[in-house]
């Protein structure tokens, strides 16, 4: 299970902010909800004490983040062929064929792109929705972007969210 360990010292710029707000700005590669879950789980300390997400931080405070990146996807891996157009450490670009369901759901717990991705890279179980940023309908073919890291997932999710709100 991957582990995340950070030590951050609060500067003047972040002094007086809520713990979750300060951390969201200091580690923008992680979503605020993810940071809040770490705080609630006790995986974040300030000056060696447990703080609540709404507690203020001040200049010189030392924040320690020590958390396991847990597998959140409970779906089963399945050997399903993938048409991979590109892959690197941060991304997988896939050509989804018509007929393949993207996410497991009621009546379709298996034989999906998520199941195939978990077989291709078991580490995707620690990424929300196995790294899938957007989806295509079952009968639609096209290119899908899959994030391989929490950081790339957060960045891509935020960028697609901004695009949707502008439309």
C-alpha atoms as a PDB file:
ATOM      1  CA  UNK A   1       0.000   0.000   0.000  1.00  0.00           C
ATOM      2  CA  UNK A   2       1.576   3.343  -1.041  1.00  0.00           C
ATOM      3  CA  UNK A   3       2.319   5.803   1.742  1.00  0.00           C
ATOM      4  CA  UNK A   4       2.287   9.606   1.693  1.00  0.00           C
ATOM      5  CA  UNK A   5       4.466  11.473   4.174  1.00  0.00           C
ATOM      6  CA  UNK A   6       4.786  15.267   4.182  1.00  0.00           C
ATOM      7  CA  UNK A   7       6.123  17.882   6.569  1.00  0.00           C
ATOM      8  CA  UNK A   8       4.991  21.455   5.931  1.00  0.00           C
ATOM      9  CA  UNK A   9       5.781  24.618   7.881  1.00  0.00           C
ATOM     10  CA  UNK A  10       3.097  27.304   7.712  1.00  0.00           C
ATOM     11  CA  UNK A  11       4.236  30.618   6.253  1.00  0.00           C
ATOM     12  CA  UNK A  12       2.767  34.089   6.675  1.00  0.00           C
ATOM     13  CA  UNK A  13       0.730  33.581   3.504  1.00  0.00           C
ATOM     14  CA  UNK A  14      -1.256  30.690   4.999  1.00  0.00           C
ATOM     15  CA  UNK A  15      -1.392  31.893   8.598  1.00  0.00           C
ATOM     16  CA  UNK A  16      -4.927  32.272   9.986  1.00  0.00           C
ATOM     17  CA  UNK A  17      -6.474  29.869   7.470  1.00  0.00           C
ATOM     18  CA  UNK A  18      -8.362  26.709   8.287  1.00  0.00           C
ATOM     19  CA  UNK A  19      -6.177  23.615   8.281  1.00  0.00           C
ATOM     20  CA  UNK A  20      -8.004  22.074   5.308  1.00  0.00           C
ATOM     21  CA  UNK A  21      -7.835  25.331   3.311  1.00  0.00           C
ATOM     22  CA  UNK A  22      -4.136  25.806   3.976  1.00  0.00           C
ATOM     23  CA  UNK A  23      -3.335  22.210   3.004  1.00  0.00           C
ATOM     24  CA  UNK A  24      -5.472  22.495  -0.144  1.00  0.00           C
ATOM     25  CA  UNK A  25      -3.335  25.420  -1.242  1.00  0.00           C
ATOM     26  CA  UNK A  26      -0.035  23.888  -0.146  1.00  0.00           C
ATOM     27  CA  UNK A  27      -0.595  20.485  -1.778  1.00  0.00           C
ATOM     28  CA  UNK A  28      -2.904  21.307  -4.717  1.00  0.00           C
ATOM     29  CA  UNK A  29      -2.257  17.936  -6.322  1.00  0.00           C
ATOM     30  CA  UNK A  30      -4.638  16.465  -3.718  1.00  0.00           C
ATOM     31  CA  UNK A  31      -8.325  17.332  -3.570  1.00  0.00           C
ATOM     32  CA  UNK A  32      -9.772  19.141  -0.578  1.00  0.00           C
ATOM     33  CA  UNK A  33     -12.118  16.228   0.165  1.00  0.00           C
ATOM     34  CA  UNK A  34      -9.132  13.845   0.187  1.00  0.00           C
ATOM     35  CA  UNK A  35      -7.289  16.191   2.581  1.00  0.00           C
ATOM     36  CA  UNK A  36     -10.366  16.434   4.808  1.00  0.00           C
ATOM     37  CA  UNK A  37     -10.583  12.634   4.965  1.00  0.00           C
ATOM     38  CA  UNK A  38      -6.945  12.489   6.104  1.00  0.00           C
ATOM     39  CA  UNK A  39      -7.646  15.063   8.829  1.00  0.00           C
ATOM     40  CA  UNK A  40     -10.740  13.169  10.028  1.00  0.00           C
ATOM     41  CA  UNK A  41      -8.797   9.896  10.081  1.00  0.00           C
ATOM     42  CA  UNK A  42      -6.106  11.453  12.284  1.00  0.00           C
ATOM     43  CA  UNK A  43      -3.444  11.206   9.569  1.00  0.00           C
ATOM     44  CA  UNK A  44      -2.643  14.938   9.868  1.00  0.00           C
ATOM     45  CA  UNK A  45      -1.115  16.571  12.931  1.00  0.00           C
ATOM     46  CA  UNK A  46      -0.206  20.169  13.690  1.00  0.00           C
ATOM     47  CA  UNK A  47       2.642  20.656  16.158  1.00  0.00           C
ATOM     48  CA  UNK A  48       2.258  16.967  17.101  1.00  0.00           C
ATOM     49  CA  UNK A  49      -1.411  17.488  18.050  1.00  0.00           C
ATOM     50  CA  UNK A  50      -4.612  16.441  16.312  1.00  0.00           C
ATOM     51  CA  UNK A  51      -6.512  19.365  14.789  1.00  0.00           C
ATOM     52  CA  UNK A  52      -9.933  19.573  13.223  1.00  0.00           C
ATOM     53  CA  UNK A  53     -10.238  20.658   9.601  1.00  0.00           C
ATOM     54  CA  UNK A  54     -11.682  24.033  10.690  1.00  0.00           C
ATOM     55  CA  UNK A  55      -8.897  24.747  13.199  1.00  0.00           C
ATOM     56  CA  UNK A  56      -6.694  27.700  12.232  1.00  0.00           C
ATOM     57  CA  UNK A  57      -3.011  27.305  11.528  1.00  0.00           C
ATOM     58  CA  UNK A  58      -0.403  29.992  12.204  1.00  0.00           C
ATOM     59  CA  UNK A  59       3.092  31.000  11.111  1.00  0.00           C
ATOM     60  CA  UNK A  60       5.628  28.373  12.128  1.00  0.00           C
ATOM     61  CA  UNK A  61       3.097  25.600  12.747  1.00  0.00           C
ATOM     62  CA  UNK A  62       4.466  22.249  11.610  1.00  0.00           C
ATOM     63  CA  UNK A  63       1.974  20.070   9.753  1.00  0.00           C
ATOM     64  CA  UNK A  64       2.733  16.382   9.362  1.00  0.00           C
ATOM     65  CA  UNK A  65       0.769  14.263   6.907  1.00  0.00           C
ATOM     66  CA  UNK A  66       1.363  10.536   7.317  1.00  0.00           C
ATOM     67  CA  UNK A  67      -1.237   8.451   5.518  1.00  0.00           C
ATOM     68  CA  UNK A  68      -1.644   5.248   3.566  1.00  0.00           C
ATOM     69  CA  UNK A  69      -3.107   5.621   0.118  1.00  0.00           C
ATOM     70  CA  UNK A  70      -5.738   2.904   0.441  1.00  0.00           C
ATOM     71  CA  UNK A  71      -7.354   0.971  -2.350  1.00  0.00           C
ATOM     72  CA  UNK A  72     -10.778   2.523  -2.685  1.00  0.00           C
ATOM     73  CA  UNK A  73     -12.079   0.585  -5.660  1.00  0.00           C
ATOM     74  CA  UNK A  74     -13.638  -2.694  -4.533  1.00  0.00           C
ATOM     75  CA  UNK A  75     -14.217  -4.044  -8.022  1.00  0.00           C
ATOM     76  CA  UNK A  76     -12.595  -7.219  -9.312  1.00  0.00           C
ATOM     77  CA  UNK A  77      -9.777  -7.209 -11.825  1.00  0.00           C
ATOM     78  CA  UNK A  78     -10.582  -9.002 -15.077  1.00  0.00           C
ATOM     79  CA  UNK A  79      -8.389  -9.894 -18.034  1.00  0.00           C
ATOM     80  CA  UNK A  80     -10.032  -7.836 -20.771  1.00  0.00           C
ATOM     81  CA  UNK A  81      -7.988  -6.622 -23.739  1.00  0.00           C
ATOM     82  CA  UNK A  82      -7.349  -2.889 -23.834  1.00  0.00           C
ATOM     83  CA  UNK A  83      -6.454  -0.811 -26.881  1.00  0.00           C
ATOM     84  CA  UNK A  84      -3.821   1.419 -25.258  1.00  0.00           C
ATOM     85  CA  UNK A  85      -2.830   4.385 -27.394  1.00  0.00           C
ATOM     86  CA  UNK A  86      -0.372   5.861 -24.869  1.00  0.00           C
ATOM     87  CA  UNK A  87       0.871   5.182 -21.373  1.00  0.00           C
ATOM     88  CA  UNK A  88       3.381   6.784 -19.060  1.00  0.00           C
ATOM     89  CA  UNK A  89       3.830   7.151 -15.309  1.00  0.00           C
ATOM     90  CA  UNK A  90       0.903   9.603 -14.983  1.00  0.00           C
ATOM     91  CA  UNK A  91      -1.589   8.621 -17.720  1.00  0.00           C
ATOM     92  CA  UNK A  92      -3.078   5.877 -19.808  1.00  0.00           C
ATOM     93  CA  UNK A  93      -4.917   6.833 -23.011  1.00  0.00           C
ATOM     94  CA  UNK A  94      -7.341   4.140 -24.161  1.00  0.00           C
ATOM     95  CA  UNK A  95      -9.448   3.649 -27.277  1.00  0.00           C
ATOM     96  CA  UNK A  96     -12.717   2.309 -25.802  1.00  0.00           C
ATOM     97  CA  UNK A  97     -14.599  -0.009 -28.127  1.00  0.00           C
ATOM     98  CA  UNK A  98     -18.357   0.094 -28.576  1.00  0.00           C
ATOM     99  CA  UNK A  99     -20.097  -2.411 -26.328  1.00  0.00           C
ATOM    100  CA  UNK A 100     -17.764  -1.987 -23.339  1.00  0.00           C
ATOM    101  CA  UNK A 101     -19.362  -0.465 -20.238  1.00  0.00           C
ATOM    102  CA  UNK A 102     -17.044   2.004 -18.473  1.00  0.00           C
ATOM    103  CA  UNK A 103     -18.104   1.719 -14.805  1.00  0.00           C
ATOM    104  CA  UNK A 104     -19.582  -1.238 -12.936  1.00  0.00           C
ATOM    105  CA  UNK A 105     -23.129  -0.641 -11.788  1.00  0.00           C
ATOM    106  CA  UNK A 106     -26.398  -2.328 -10.937  1.00  0.00           C
ATOM    107  CA  UNK A 107     -26.726  -5.304 -13.241  1.00  0.00           C
ATOM    108  CA  UNK A 108     -23.185  -4.837 -14.594  1.00  0.00           C
ATOM    109  CA  UNK A 109     -20.698  -5.525 -11.792  1.00  0.00           C
ATOM    110  CA  UNK A 110     -18.158  -7.114 -14.171  1.00  0.00           C
ATOM    111  CA  UNK A 111     -16.875  -7.006 -17.747  1.00  0.00           C
ATOM    112  CA  UNK A 112     -16.277  -3.226 -17.625  1.00  0.00           C
ATOM    113  CA  UNK A 113     -13.401  -0.914 -18.396  1.00  0.00           C
ATOM    114  CA  UNK A 114     -12.806  -0.484 -14.652  1.00  0.00           C
ATOM    115  CA  UNK A 115     -12.381  -4.255 -14.264  1.00  0.00           C
ATOM    116  CA  UNK A 116      -9.952  -4.303 -17.202  1.00  0.00           C
ATOM    117  CA  UNK A 117      -7.951  -1.375 -15.817  1.00  0.00           C
ATOM    118  CA  UNK A 118      -7.602  -3.004 -12.391  1.00  0.00           C
ATOM    119  CA  UNK A 119      -6.179  -6.066 -14.131  1.00  0.00           C
ATOM    120  CA  UNK A 120      -3.812  -3.940 -16.223  1.00  0.00           C
ATOM    121  CA  UNK A 121      -2.513  -1.935 -13.230  1.00  0.00           C
ATOM    122  CA  UNK A 122      -3.529  -2.992  -9.713  1.00  0.00           C
ATOM    123  CA  UNK A 123      -2.374   0.395  -8.347  1.00  0.00           C
ATOM    124  CA  UNK A 124      -5.407   1.991 -10.016  1.00  0.00           C
ATOM    125  CA  UNK A 125      -7.449   0.617  -7.117  1.00  0.00           C
ATOM    126  CA  UNK A 126      -6.109   3.520  -5.017  1.00  0.00           C
ATOM    127  CA  UNK A 127      -7.372   6.115  -7.520  1.00  0.00           C
ATOM    128  CA  UNK A 128     -11.029   7.237  -7.549  1.00  0.00           C
ATOM    129  CA  UNK A 129     -12.984   5.443 -10.299  1.00  0.00           C
ATOM    130  CA  UNK A 130      -9.792   3.489 -11.163  1.00  0.00           C
ATOM    131  CA  UNK A 131      -8.396   6.704 -12.642  1.00  0.00           C
ATOM    132  CA  UNK A 132     -11.143   7.250 -15.208  1.00  0.00           C
ATOM    133  CA  UNK A 133     -11.679  10.991 -15.683  1.00  0.00           C
ATOM    134  CA  UNK A 134     -14.695  10.913 -17.993  1.00  0.00           C
ATOM    135  CA  UNK A 135     -16.877   8.249 -19.525  1.00  0.00           C
ATOM    136  CA  UNK A 136     -18.459   7.233 -22.781  1.00  0.00           C
ATOM    137  CA  UNK A 137     -21.746   5.406 -23.217  1.00  0.00           C
ATOM    138  CA  UNK A 138     -21.639   1.649 -23.700  1.00  0.00           C
ATOM    139  CA  UNK A 139     -22.296   1.809 -27.448  1.00  0.00           C
ATOM    140  CA  UNK A 140     -19.888   4.700 -28.075  1.00  0.00           C
ATOM    141  CA  UNK A 141     -16.308   4.220 -29.153  1.00  0.00           C
ATOM    142  CA  UNK A 142     -13.673   6.828 -28.427  1.00  0.00           C
ATOM    143  CA  UNK A 143     -10.619   7.894 -26.502  1.00  0.00           C
ATOM    144  CA  UNK A 144     -10.601   7.954 -22.690  1.00  0.00           C
ATOM    145  CA  UNK A 145      -8.007   9.418 -20.351  1.00  0.00           C
ATOM    146  CA  UNK A 146      -7.096   7.438 -17.243  1.00  0.00           C
ATOM    147  CA  UNK A 147      -5.004   8.943 -14.439  1.00  0.00           C
ATOM    148  CA  UNK A 148      -2.388   6.640 -12.916  1.00  0.00           C
ATOM    149  CA  UNK A 149      -1.628   8.777  -9.862  1.00  0.00           C
ATOM    150  CA  UNK A 150      -3.689  10.692  -7.319  1.00  0.00           C
ATOM    151  CA  UNK A 151      -1.925  13.863  -8.431  1.00  0.00           C
ATOM    152  CA  UNK A 152      -2.759  13.449 -12.114  1.00  0.00           C
ATOM    153  CA  UNK A 153      -6.337  12.445 -11.208  1.00  0.00           C
ATOM    154  CA  UNK A 154      -6.823  15.619  -9.172  1.00  0.00           C
ATOM    155  CA  UNK A 155      -5.328  17.870 -11.845  1.00  0.00           C
ATOM    156  CA  UNK A 156      -7.324  16.301 -14.686  1.00  0.00           C
ATOM    157  CA  UNK A 157     -10.560  16.237 -12.677  1.00  0.00           C
ATOM    158  CA  UNK A 158     -10.197  19.914 -11.822  1.00  0.00           C
ATOM    159  CA  UNK A 159      -9.467  20.846 -15.436  1.00  0.00           C
ATOM    160  CA  UNK A 160     -12.480  18.936 -16.791  1.00  0.00           C
ATOM    161  CA  UNK A 161     -14.659  20.416 -14.042  1.00  0.00           C
ATOM    162  CA  UNK A 162     -13.642  23.939 -15.092  1.00  0.00           C
ATOM    163  CA  UNK A 163     -14.358  23.122 -18.729  1.00  0.00           C
ATOM    164  CA  UNK A 164     -17.868  21.807 -17.909  1.00  0.00           C
ATOM    165  CA  UNK A 165     -18.757  24.918 -15.909  1.00  0.00           C
ATOM    166  CA  UNK A 166     -17.767  27.263 -18.753  1.00  0.00           C
ATOM    167  CA  UNK A 167     -20.045  25.575 -21.279  1.00  0.00           C
END
